[in-house]
Amino acid sequence: MMLRVYPIGLRFSGANFDPLPCWHCGAQHVALNLGNAAPDLPVQLHFALFEDSGGYVLKPKEMRGEAEMWPPQRKVLQRVTVELLSLHGLPQRGEARP
């Protein structure tokens, strides 16, 4: 099964979205705009990852079905409690954010 990722069709900008989360989830095709005059970071990542590999990078064995389970089970679960001490410096309701 092939997984292809495209940007939302309602976009007017030619800027690329971040392809790394898609690649980390195992997507084989991520649509990028390679026609920009100056290559942005997603295009640079594309060339850095795929240029010397012939366009293909083998997925980890856990994602190829050779391991028992994906995602792997966590051995230790941790619970963290966060107590907010102060919220000063936040904009007031209706105030413009910097």
PDB file of N, CA and C in Angstrom:
ATOM      1  N   MET A   1       0.837  -1.179   0.000  1.00  0.00           N
ATOM      2  CA  MET A   1       0.000   0.000   0.000  1.00  0.00           C
ATOM      3  C   MET A   1       0.884   1.245   0.000  1.00  0.00           C
ATOM      4  N   MET A   2       0.557   2.193  -0.864  1.00  0.00           N
ATOM      5  CA  MET A   2       1.308   3.448  -0.958  1.00  0.00           C
ATOM      6  C   MET A   2       0.534   4.548  -0.250  1.00  0.00           C
ATOM      7  N   LEU A   3       1.250   5.366   0.475  1.00  0.00           N
ATOM      8  CA  LEU A   3       0.641   6.499   1.159  1.00  0.00           C
ATOM      9  C   LEU A   3       1.179   7.774   0.532  1.00  0.00           C
ATOM     10  N   ARG A   4       0.286   8.581  -0.028  1.00  0.00           N
ATOM     11  CA  ARG A   4       0.665   9.850  -0.644  1.00  0.00           C
ATOM     12  C   ARG A   4       0.071  10.985   0.171  1.00  0.00           C
ATOM     13  N   VAL A   5       0.849  12.051   0.345  1.00  0.00           N
ATOM     14  CA  VAL A   5       0.404  13.202   1.125  1.00  0.00           C
ATOM     15  C   VAL A   5       0.449  14.439   0.242  1.00  0.00           C
ATOM     16  N   TYR A   6      -0.665  15.138   0.184  1.00  0.00           N
ATOM     17  CA  TYR A   6      -0.776  16.380  -0.587  1.00  0.00           C
ATOM     18  C   TYR A   6      -1.179  17.503   0.359  1.00  0.00           C
ATOM     19  N   PRO A   7      -0.785  18.744   0.051  1.00  0.00           N
ATOM     20  CA  PRO A   7      -1.268  19.866   0.869  1.00  0.00           C
ATOM     21  C   PRO A   7      -2.760  20.087   0.617  1.00  0.00           C
ATOM     22  N   ILE A   8      -3.398  20.789   1.521  1.00  0.00           N
ATOM     23  CA  ILE A   8      -4.825  21.072   1.375  1.00  0.00           C
ATOM     24  C   ILE A   8      -5.052  21.867   0.087  1.00  0.00           C
ATOM     25  N   GLY A   9      -6.104  21.568  -0.609  1.00  0.00           N
ATOM     26  CA  GLY A   9      -6.356  22.169  -1.919  1.00  0.00           C
ATOM     27  C   GLY A   9      -6.766  23.630  -1.892  1.00  0.00           C
ATOM     28  N   LEU A  10      -7.050  24.191  -0.730  1.00  0.00           N
ATOM     29  CA  LEU A  10      -7.508  25.582  -0.630  1.00  0.00           C
ATOM     30  C   LEU A  10      -6.362  26.567  -0.409  1.00  0.00           C
ATOM     31  N   ARG A  11      -5.124  26.089  -0.476  1.00  0.00           N
ATOM     32  CA  ARG A  11      -3.979  26.978  -0.213  1.00  0.00           C
ATOM     33  C   ARG A  11      -3.698  27.860  -1.426  1.00  0.00           C
ATOM     34  N   PHE A  12      -3.327  29.098  -1.164  1.00  0.00           N
ATOM     35  CA  PHE A  12      -2.946  30.032  -2.229  1.00  0.00           C
ATOM     36  C   PHE A  12      -1.441  30.237  -2.273  1.00  0.00           C
ATOM     37  N   SER A  13      -0.762  29.900  -1.208  1.00  0.00           N
ATOM     38  CA  SER A  13       0.683  30.095  -1.117  1.00  0.00           C
ATOM     39  C   SER A  13       1.410  28.932  -1.787  1.00  0.00           C
ATOM     40  N   GLY A  14       2.558  29.212  -2.350  1.00  0.00           N
ATOM     41  CA  GLY A  14       3.384  28.166  -2.939  1.00  0.00           C
ATOM     42  C   GLY A  14       4.387  27.593  -1.962  1.00  0.00           C
ATOM     43  N   ALA A  15       4.326  28.063  -0.704  1.00  0.00           N
ATOM     44  CA  ALA A  15       5.274  27.585   0.299  1.00  0.00           C
ATOM     45  C   ALA A  15       4.979  26.126   0.642  1.00  0.00           C
ATOM     46  N   ASN A  16       6.013  25.388   0.971  1.00  0.00           N
ATOM     47  CA  ASN A  16       5.880  23.971   1.299  1.00  0.00           C
ATOM     48  C   ASN A  16       5.586  23.779   2.777  1.00  0.00           C
ATOM     49  N   PHE A  17       4.861  22.705   3.074  1.00  0.00           N
ATOM     50  CA  PHE A  17       4.630  22.334   4.464  1.00  0.00           C
ATOM     51  C   PHE A  17       5.757  21.419   4.918  1.00  0.00           C
ATOM     52  N   ASP A  18       5.836  21.149   6.208  1.00  0.00           N
ATOM     53  CA  ASP A  18       6.913  20.332   6.765  1.00  0.00           C
ATOM     54  C   ASP A  18       6.692  18.859   6.408  1.00  0.00           C
ATOM     55  N   PRO A  19       7.571  18.240   5.599  1.00  0.00           N
ATOM     56  CA  PRO A  19       7.356  16.849   5.206  1.00  0.00           C
ATOM     57  C   PRO A  19       7.824  15.825   6.238  1.00  0.00           C
ATOM     58  N   LEU A  20       8.598  16.244   7.245  1.00  0.00           N
ATOM     59  CA  LEU A  20       9.170  15.281   8.190  1.00  0.00           C
ATOM     60  C   LEU A  20       8.127  14.467   8.949  1.00  0.00           C
ATOM     61  N   PRO A  21       7.050  15.060   9.487  1.00  0.00           N
ATOM     62  CA  PRO A  21       6.059  14.216  10.171  1.00  0.00           C
ATOM     63  C   PRO A  21       5.456  13.158   9.247  1.00  0.00           C
ATOM     64  N   CYS A  22       5.269  13.501   7.976  1.00  0.00           N
ATOM     65  CA  CYS A  22       4.724  12.527   7.014  1.00  0.00           C
ATOM     66  C   CYS A  22       5.727  11.405   6.771  1.00  0.00           C
ATOM     67  N   TRP A  23       6.999  11.754   6.587  1.00  0.00           N
ATOM     68  CA  TRP A  23       8.023  10.742   6.358  1.00  0.00           C
ATOM     69  C   TRP A  23       8.191   9.844   7.580  1.00  0.00           C
ATOM     70  N   HIS A  24       8.115  10.435   8.776  1.00  0.00           N
ATOM     71  CA  HIS A  24       8.261   9.642   9.996  1.00  0.00           C
ATOM     72  C   HIS A  24       7.109   8.660  10.180  1.00  0.00           C
ATOM     73  N   CYS A  25       5.948   8.982   9.636  1.00  0.00           N
ATOM     74  CA  CYS A  25       4.792   8.079   9.725  1.00  0.00           C
ATOM     75  C   CYS A  25       4.795   7.043   8.613  1.00  0.00           C
ATOM     76  N   GLY A  26       5.758   7.108   7.707  1.00  0.00           N
ATOM     77  CA  GLY A  26       5.888   6.089   6.684  1.00  0.00           C
ATOM     78  C   GLY A  26       5.323   6.450   5.330  1.00  0.00           C
ATOM     79  N   ALA A  27       5.015   7.719   5.077  1.00  0.00           N
ATOM     80  CA  ALA A  27       4.490   8.116   3.766  1.00  0.00           C
ATOM     81  C   ALA A  27       5.571   7.946   2.701  1.00  0.00           C
ATOM     82  N   GLN A  28       5.173   7.373   1.564  1.00  0.00           N
ATOM     83  CA  GLN A  28       6.129   7.166   0.475  1.00  0.00           C
ATOM     84  C   GLN A  28       6.217   8.380  -0.436  1.00  0.00           C
ATOM     85  N   HIS A  29       5.130   9.088  -0.627  1.00  0.00           N
ATOM     86  CA  HIS A  29       5.100  10.248  -1.516  1.00  0.00           C
ATOM     87  C   HIS A  29       4.596  11.459  -0.736  1.00  0.00           C
ATOM     88  N   VAL A  30       5.393  12.520  -0.702  1.00  0.00           N
ATOM     89  CA  VAL A  30       4.975  13.777  -0.100  1.00  0.00           C
ATOM     90  C   VAL A  30       5.121  14.847  -1.168  1.00  0.00           C
ATOM     91  N   ALA A  31       4.016  15.495  -1.517  1.00  0.00           N
ATOM     92  CA  ALA A  31       4.036  16.492  -2.589  1.00  0.00           C
ATOM     93  C   ALA A  31       4.727  17.761  -2.106  1.00  0.00           C
ATOM     94  N   LEU A  32       5.775  18.157  -2.815  1.00  0.00           N
ATOM     95  CA  LEU A  32       6.503  19.387  -2.507  1.00  0.00           C
ATOM     96  C   LEU A  32       6.582  20.240  -3.768  1.00  0.00           C
ATOM     97  N   ASN A  33       6.612  21.541  -3.580  1.00  0.00           N
ATOM     98  CA  ASN A  33       6.766  22.477  -4.683  1.00  0.00           C
ATOM     99  C   ASN A  33       8.256  22.695  -4.900  1.00  0.00           C
ATOM    100  N   LEU A  34       8.825  22.043  -5.907  1.00  0.00           N
ATOM    101  CA  LEU A  34      10.257  22.166  -6.186  1.00  0.00           C
ATOM    102  C   LEU A  34      10.555  23.330  -7.117  1.00  0.00           C
ATOM    103  N   GLY A  35       9.530  24.041  -7.576  1.00  0.00           N
ATOM    104  CA  GLY A  35       9.726  25.112  -8.541  1.00  0.00           C
ATOM    105  C   GLY A  35       9.994  26.478  -7.945  1.00  0.00           C
ATOM    106  N   ASN A  36      10.126  26.564  -6.627  1.00  0.00           N
ATOM    107  CA  ASN A  36      10.428  27.862  -6.014  1.00  0.00           C
ATOM    108  C   ASN A  36      11.812  28.339  -6.447  1.00  0.00           C
ATOM    109  N   ALA A  37      11.966  29.658  -6.554  1.00  0.00           N
ATOM    110  CA  ALA A  37      13.255  30.218  -6.986  1.00  0.00           C
ATOM    111  C   ALA A  37      14.370  29.869  -6.002  1.00  0.00           C
ATOM    112  N   ALA A  38      14.097  30.045  -4.712  1.00  0.00           N
ATOM    113  CA  ALA A  38      15.073  29.696  -3.683  1.00  0.00           C
ATOM    114  C   ALA A  38      14.536  28.491  -2.917  1.00  0.00           C
ATOM    115  N   PRO A  39      15.268  27.390  -2.857  1.00  0.00           N
ATOM    116  CA  PRO A  39      14.763  26.214  -2.150  1.00  0.00           C
ATOM    117  C   PRO A  39      14.579  26.486  -0.661  1.00  0.00           C
ATOM    118  N   ASP A  40      13.391  26.198  -0.155  1.00  0.00           N
ATOM    119  CA  ASP A  40      13.136  26.378   1.267  1.00  0.00           C
ATOM    120  C   ASP A  40      13.564  25.116   2.027  1.00  0.00           C
ATOM    121  N   LEU A  41      13.364  25.115   3.329  1.00  0.00           N
ATOM    122  CA  LEU A  41      13.843  24.013   4.165  1.00  0.00           C
ATOM    123  C   LEU A  41      13.240  22.661   3.774  1.00  0.00           C
ATOM    124  N   PRO A  42      11.922  22.541   3.504  1.00  0.00           N
ATOM    125  CA  PRO A  42      11.413  21.230   3.095  1.00  0.00           C
ATOM    126  C   PRO A  42      12.068  20.688   1.822  1.00  0.00           C
ATOM    127  N   VAL A  43      12.367  21.539   0.854  1.00  0.00           N
ATOM    128  CA  VAL A  43      13.029  21.085  -0.372  1.00  0.00           C
ATOM    129  C   VAL A  43      14.463  20.669  -0.067  1.00  0.00           C
ATOM    130  N   GLN A  44      15.150  21.407   0.787  1.00  0.00           N
ATOM    131  CA  GLN A  44      16.507  21.041   1.174  1.00  0.00           C
ATOM    132  C   GLN A  44      16.521  19.694   1.900  1.00  0.00           C
ATOM    133  N   LEU A  45      15.522  19.459   2.770  1.00  0.00           N
ATOM    134  CA  LEU A  45      15.425  18.168   3.454  1.00  0.00           C
ATOM    135  C   LEU A  45      15.186  17.041   2.454  1.00  0.00           C
ATOM    136  N   HIS A  46      14.345  17.304   1.472  1.00  0.00           N
ATOM    137  CA  HIS A  46      14.064  16.308   0.432  1.00  0.00           C
ATOM    138  C   HIS A  46      15.352  15.893  -0.282  1.00  0.00           C
ATOM    139  N   PHE A  47      16.135  16.870  -0.723  1.00  0.00           N
ATOM    140  CA  PHE A  47      17.373  16.547  -1.435  1.00  0.00           C
ATOM    141  C   PHE A  47      18.401  15.901  -0.512  1.00  0.00           C
ATOM    142  N   ALA A  48      18.470  16.342   0.745  1.00  0.00           N
ATOM    143  CA  ALA A  48      19.433  15.761   1.679  1.00  0.00           C
ATOM    144  C   ALA A  48      19.111  14.297   1.971  1.00  0.00           C
ATOM    145  N   LEU A  49      17.825  13.955   2.024  1.00  0.00           N
ATOM    146  CA  LEU A  49      17.450  12.588   2.372  1.00  0.00           C
ATOM    147  C   LEU A  49      17.461  11.640   1.182  1.00  0.00           C
ATOM    148  N   PHE A  50      17.074  12.109  -0.005  1.00  0.00           N
ATOM    149  CA  PHE A  50      16.849  11.204  -1.117  1.00  0.00           C
ATOM    150  C   PHE A  50      17.837  11.312  -2.275  1.00  0.00           C
ATOM    151  N   GLU A  51      18.690  12.322  -2.307  1.00  0.00           N
ATOM    152  CA  GLU A  51      19.531  12.532  -3.486  1.00  0.00           C
ATOM    153  C   GLU A  51      20.521  11.391  -3.727  1.00  0.00           C
ATOM    154  N   ASP A  52      21.225  10.954  -2.707  1.00  0.00           N
ATOM    155  CA  ASP A  52      22.248   9.919  -2.888  1.00  0.00           C
ATOM    156  C   ASP A  52      21.719   8.503  -2.713  1.00  0.00           C
ATOM    157  N   SER A  53      20.411   8.363  -2.472  1.00  0.00           N
ATOM    158  CA  SER A  53      19.855   7.035  -2.232  1.00  0.00           C
ATOM    159  C   SER A  53      19.102   6.506  -3.441  1.00  0.00           C
ATOM    160  N   GLY A  54      19.158   7.203  -4.566  1.00  0.00           N
ATOM    161  CA  GLY A  54      18.389   6.782  -5.728  1.00  0.00           C
ATOM    162  C   GLY A  54      16.912   7.067  -5.572  1.00  0.00           C
ATOM    163  N   GLY A  55      16.552   7.901  -4.603  1.00  0.00           N
ATOM    164  CA  GLY A  55      15.160   8.266  -4.387  1.00  0.00           C
ATOM    165  C   GLY A  55      14.410   7.354  -3.452  1.00  0.00           C
ATOM    166  N   TYR A  56      15.099   6.433  -2.804  1.00  0.00           N
ATOM    167  CA  TYR A  56      14.419   5.469  -1.946  1.00  0.00           C
ATOM    168  C   TYR A  56      15.195   5.281  -0.658  1.00  0.00           C
ATOM    169  N   VAL A  57      14.500   5.290   0.461  1.00  0.00           N
ATOM    170  CA  VAL A  57      15.086   5.003   1.767  1.00  0.00           C
ATOM    171  C   VAL A  57      14.264   3.883   2.387  1.00  0.00           C
ATOM    172  N   LEU A  58      14.919   2.817   2.787  1.00  0.00           N
ATOM    173  CA  LEU A  58      14.232   1.671   3.366  1.00  0.00           C
ATOM    174  C   LEU A  58      13.637   2.034   4.721  1.00  0.00           C
ATOM    175  N   LYS A  59      12.374   1.653   4.928  1.00  0.00           N
ATOM    176  CA  LYS A  59      11.726   1.904   6.205  1.00  0.00           C
ATOM    177  C   LYS A  59      12.342   1.018   7.283  1.00  0.00           C
ATOM    178  N   PRO A  60      12.218   1.407   8.553  1.00  0.00           N
ATOM    179  CA  PRO A  60      12.682   0.527   9.632  1.00  0.00           C
ATOM    180  C   PRO A  60      11.898  -0.789   9.623  1.00  0.00           C
ATOM    181  N   LYS A  61      12.499  -1.853  10.136  1.00  0.00           N
ATOM    182  CA  LYS A  61      11.848  -3.165  10.082  1.00  0.00           C
ATOM    183  C   LYS A  61      10.531  -3.183  10.842  1.00  0.00           C
ATOM    184  N   GLU A  62      10.390  -2.329  11.864  1.00  0.00           N
ATOM    185  CA  GLU A  62       9.137  -2.278  12.603  1.00  0.00           C
ATOM    186  C   GLU A  62       7.982  -1.814  11.722  1.00  0.00           C
ATOM    187  N   MET A  63       8.276  -0.963  10.739  1.00  0.00           N
ATOM    188  CA  MET A  63       7.234  -0.442   9.860  1.00  0.00           C
ATOM    189  C   MET A  63       7.038  -1.305   8.616  1.00  0.00           C
ATOM    190  N   ARG A  64       7.913  -2.273   8.377  1.00  0.00           N
ATOM    191  CA  ARG A  64       7.794  -3.158   7.222  1.00  0.00           C
ATOM    192  C   ARG A  64       7.069  -4.448   7.549  1.00  0.00           C
ATOM    193  N   GLY A  65       6.662  -4.632   8.790  1.00  0.00           N
ATOM    194  CA  GLY A  65       5.940  -5.835   9.161  1.00  0.00           C
ATOM    195  C   GLY A  65       6.821  -6.965   9.619  1.00  0.00           C
ATOM    196  N   GLU A  66       8.127  -6.736   9.771  1.00  0.00           N
ATOM    197  CA  GLU A  66       9.030  -7.793  10.206  1.00  0.00           C
ATOM    198  C   GLU A  66       9.118  -7.881  11.722  1.00  0.00           C
ATOM    199  N   ALA A  67       8.662  -6.854  12.419  1.00  0.00           N
ATOM    200  CA  ALA A  67       8.689  -6.876  13.879  1.00  0.00           C
ATOM    201  C   ALA A  67       7.323  -7.338  14.390  1.00  0.00           C
ATOM    202  N   GLU A  68       7.226  -7.571  15.686  1.00  0.00           N
ATOM    203  CA  GLU A  68       5.982  -8.071  16.247  1.00  0.00           C
ATOM    204  C   GLU A  68       4.861  -7.042  16.175  1.00  0.00           C
ATOM    205  N   MET A  69       5.158  -5.792  16.480  1.00  0.00           N
ATOM    206  CA  MET A  69       4.087  -4.816  16.622  1.00  0.00           C
ATOM    207  C   MET A  69       4.598  -3.412  16.330  1.00  0.00           C
ATOM    208  N   TRP A  70       3.782  -2.609  15.689  1.00  0.00           N
ATOM    209  CA  TRP A  70       4.102  -1.196  15.472  1.00  0.00           C
ATOM    210  C   TRP A  70       2.914  -0.375  15.868  1.00  0.00           C
ATOM    211  N   PRO A  71       3.051   0.655  16.656  1.00  0.00           N
ATOM    212  CA  PRO A  71       4.266   1.112  17.341  1.00  0.00           C
ATOM    213  C   PRO A  71       4.650   0.164  18.474  1.00  0.00           C
ATOM    214  N   PRO A  72       5.950   0.123  18.800  1.00  0.00           N
ATOM    215  CA  PRO A  72       6.383  -0.792  19.858  1.00  0.00           C
ATOM    216  C   PRO A  72       5.778  -0.397  21.207  1.00  0.00           C
ATOM    217  N   GLN A  73       5.537  -1.397  22.040  1.00  0.00           N
ATOM    218  CA  GLN A  73       4.975  -1.142  23.366  1.00  0.00           C
ATOM    219  C   GLN A  73       6.000  -0.424  24.236  1.00  0.00           C
ATOM    220  N   ARG A  74       5.514   0.491  25.047  1.00  0.00           N
ATOM    221  CA  ARG A  74       6.400   1.185  25.993  1.00  0.00           C
ATOM    222  C   ARG A  74       6.635   0.294  27.199  1.00  0.00           C
ATOM    223  N   LYS A  75       7.858   0.247  27.638  1.00  0.00           N
ATOM    224  CA  LYS A  75       8.185  -0.587  28.792  1.00  0.00           C
ATOM    225  C   LYS A  75       7.856   0.127  30.094  1.00  0.00           C
ATOM    226  N   VAL A  76       8.015   1.463  30.096  1.00  0.00           N
ATOM    227  CA  VAL A  76       7.762   2.234  31.304  1.00  0.00           C
ATOM    228  C   VAL A  76       6.834   3.394  30.948  1.00  0.00           C
ATOM    229  N   LEU A  77       5.738   3.482  31.651  1.00  0.00           N
ATOM    230  CA  LEU A  77       4.843   4.620  31.490  1.00  0.00           C
ATOM    231  C   LEU A  77       5.117   5.615  32.603  1.00  0.00           C
ATOM    232  N   GLN A  78       5.121   6.883  32.250  1.00  0.00           N
ATOM    233  CA  GLN A  78       5.375   7.908  33.243  1.00  0.00           C
ATOM    234  C   GLN A  78       4.210   8.868  33.263  1.00  0.00           C
ATOM    235  N   ARG A  79       3.826   9.279  34.445  1.00  0.00           N
ATOM    236  CA  ARG A  79       2.782  10.278  34.605  1.00  0.00           C
ATOM    237  C   ARG A  79       3.432  11.537  35.153  1.00  0.00           C
ATOM    238  N   VAL A  80       3.143  12.643  34.520  1.00  0.00           N
ATOM    239  CA  VAL A  80       3.728  13.922  34.915  1.00  0.00           C
ATOM    240  C   VAL A  80       2.593  14.853  35.284  1.00  0.00           C
ATOM    241  N   THR A  81       2.729  15.538  36.402  1.00  0.00           N
ATOM    242  CA  THR A  81       1.756  16.527  36.830  1.00  0.00           C
ATOM    243  C   THR A  81       2.400  17.903  36.735  1.00  0.00           C
ATOM    244  N   VAL A  82       1.715  18.819  36.081  1.00  0.00           N
ATOM    245  CA  VAL A  82       2.226  20.179  35.908  1.00  0.00           C
ATOM    246  C   VAL A  82       1.326  21.123  36.679  1.00  0.00           C
ATOM    247  N   GLU A  83       1.934  21.951  37.509  1.00  0.00           N
ATOM    248  CA  GLU A  83       1.182  22.955  38.257  1.00  0.00           C
ATOM    249  C   GLU A  83       1.591  24.328  37.743  1.00  0.00           C
ATOM    250  N   LEU A  84       0.609  25.088  37.244  1.00  0.00           N
ATOM    251  CA  LEU A  84       0.892  26.427  36.740  1.00  0.00           C
ATOM    252  C   LEU A  84       1.055  27.380  37.908  1.00  0.00           C
ATOM    253  N   LEU A  85       2.178  28.076  37.951  1.00  0.00           N
ATOM    254  CA  LEU A  85       2.442  29.004  39.027  1.00  0.00           C
ATOM    255  C   LEU A  85       2.123  30.439  38.645  1.00  0.00           C
ATOM    256  N   SER A  86       2.294  30.790  37.382  1.00  0.00           N
ATOM    257  CA  SER A  86       2.089  32.163  36.969  1.00  0.00           C
ATOM    258  C   SER A  86       1.786  32.211  35.482  1.00  0.00           C
ATOM    259  N   LEU A  87       0.928  33.114  35.107  1.00  0.00           N
ATOM    260  CA  LEU A  87       0.616  33.336  33.700  1.00  0.00           C
ATOM    261  C   LEU A  87       0.806  34.807  33.359  1.00  0.00           C
ATOM    262  N   HIS A  88       1.758  35.476  33.987  1.00  0.00           N
ATOM    263  CA  HIS A  88       1.954  36.895  33.703  1.00  0.00           C
ATOM    264  C   HIS A  88       2.605  37.072  32.332  1.00  0.00           C
ATOM    265  N   GLY A  89       2.386  38.200  31.734  1.00  0.00           N
ATOM    266  CA  GLY A  89       2.965  38.499  30.437  1.00  0.00           C
ATOM    267  C   GLY A  89       2.102  38.040  29.278  1.00  0.00           C
ATOM    268  N   LEU A  90       0.979  37.371  29.539  1.00  0.00           N
ATOM    269  CA  LEU A  90       0.082  36.970  28.462  1.00  0.00           C
ATOM    270  C   LEU A  90      -0.766  38.163  28.045  1.00  0.00           C
ATOM    271  N   PRO A  91      -1.138  38.246  26.780  1.00  0.00           N
ATOM    272  CA  PRO A  91      -1.990  39.363  26.339  1.00  0.00           C
ATOM    273  C   PRO A  91      -3.382  39.257  26.950  1.00  0.00           C
ATOM    274  N   GLN A  92      -3.977  40.401  27.204  1.00  0.00           N
ATOM    275  CA  GLN A  92      -5.347  40.449  27.705  1.00  0.00           C
ATOM    276  C   GLN A  92      -6.311  40.020  26.603  1.00  0.00           C
ATOM    277  N   ARG A  93      -7.520  39.645  26.985  1.00  0.00           N
ATOM    278  CA  ARG A  93      -8.524  39.248  26.002  1.00  0.00           C
ATOM    279  C   ARG A  93      -8.785  40.401  25.038  1.00  0.00           C
ATOM    280  N   GLY A  94      -8.674  40.147  23.752  1.00  0.00           N
ATOM    281  CA  GLY A  94      -8.883  41.176  22.732  1.00  0.00           C
ATOM    282  C   GLY A  94      -7.630  41.978  22.415  1.00  0.00           C
ATOM    283  N   GLU A  95      -6.560  41.811  23.159  1.00  0.00           N
ATOM    284  CA  GLU A  95      -5.310  42.542  22.927  1.00  0.00           C
ATOM    285  C   GLU A  95      -4.535  41.870  21.795  1.00  0.00           C
ATOM    286  N   ALA A  96      -3.892  42.680  20.978  1.00  0.00           N
ATOM    287  CA  ALA A  96      -3.119  42.137  19.853  1.00  0.00           C
ATOM    288  C   ALA A  96      -1.902  41.387  20.377  1.00  0.00           C
ATOM    289  N   ARG A  97      -1.593  40.290  19.761  1.00  0.00           N
ATOM    290  CA  ARG A  97      -0.410  39.512  20.150  1.00  0.00           C
ATOM    291  C   ARG A  97       0.781  39.957  19.315  1.00  0.00           C
ATOM    292  N   PRO A  98       1.966  39.942  19.888  1.00  0.00           N
ATOM    293  CA  PRO A  98       3.146  40.367  19.124  1.00  0.00           C
ATOM    294  C   PRO A  98       3.522  39.376  18.061  1.00  0.00           C
TER     295      PRO A  98
END
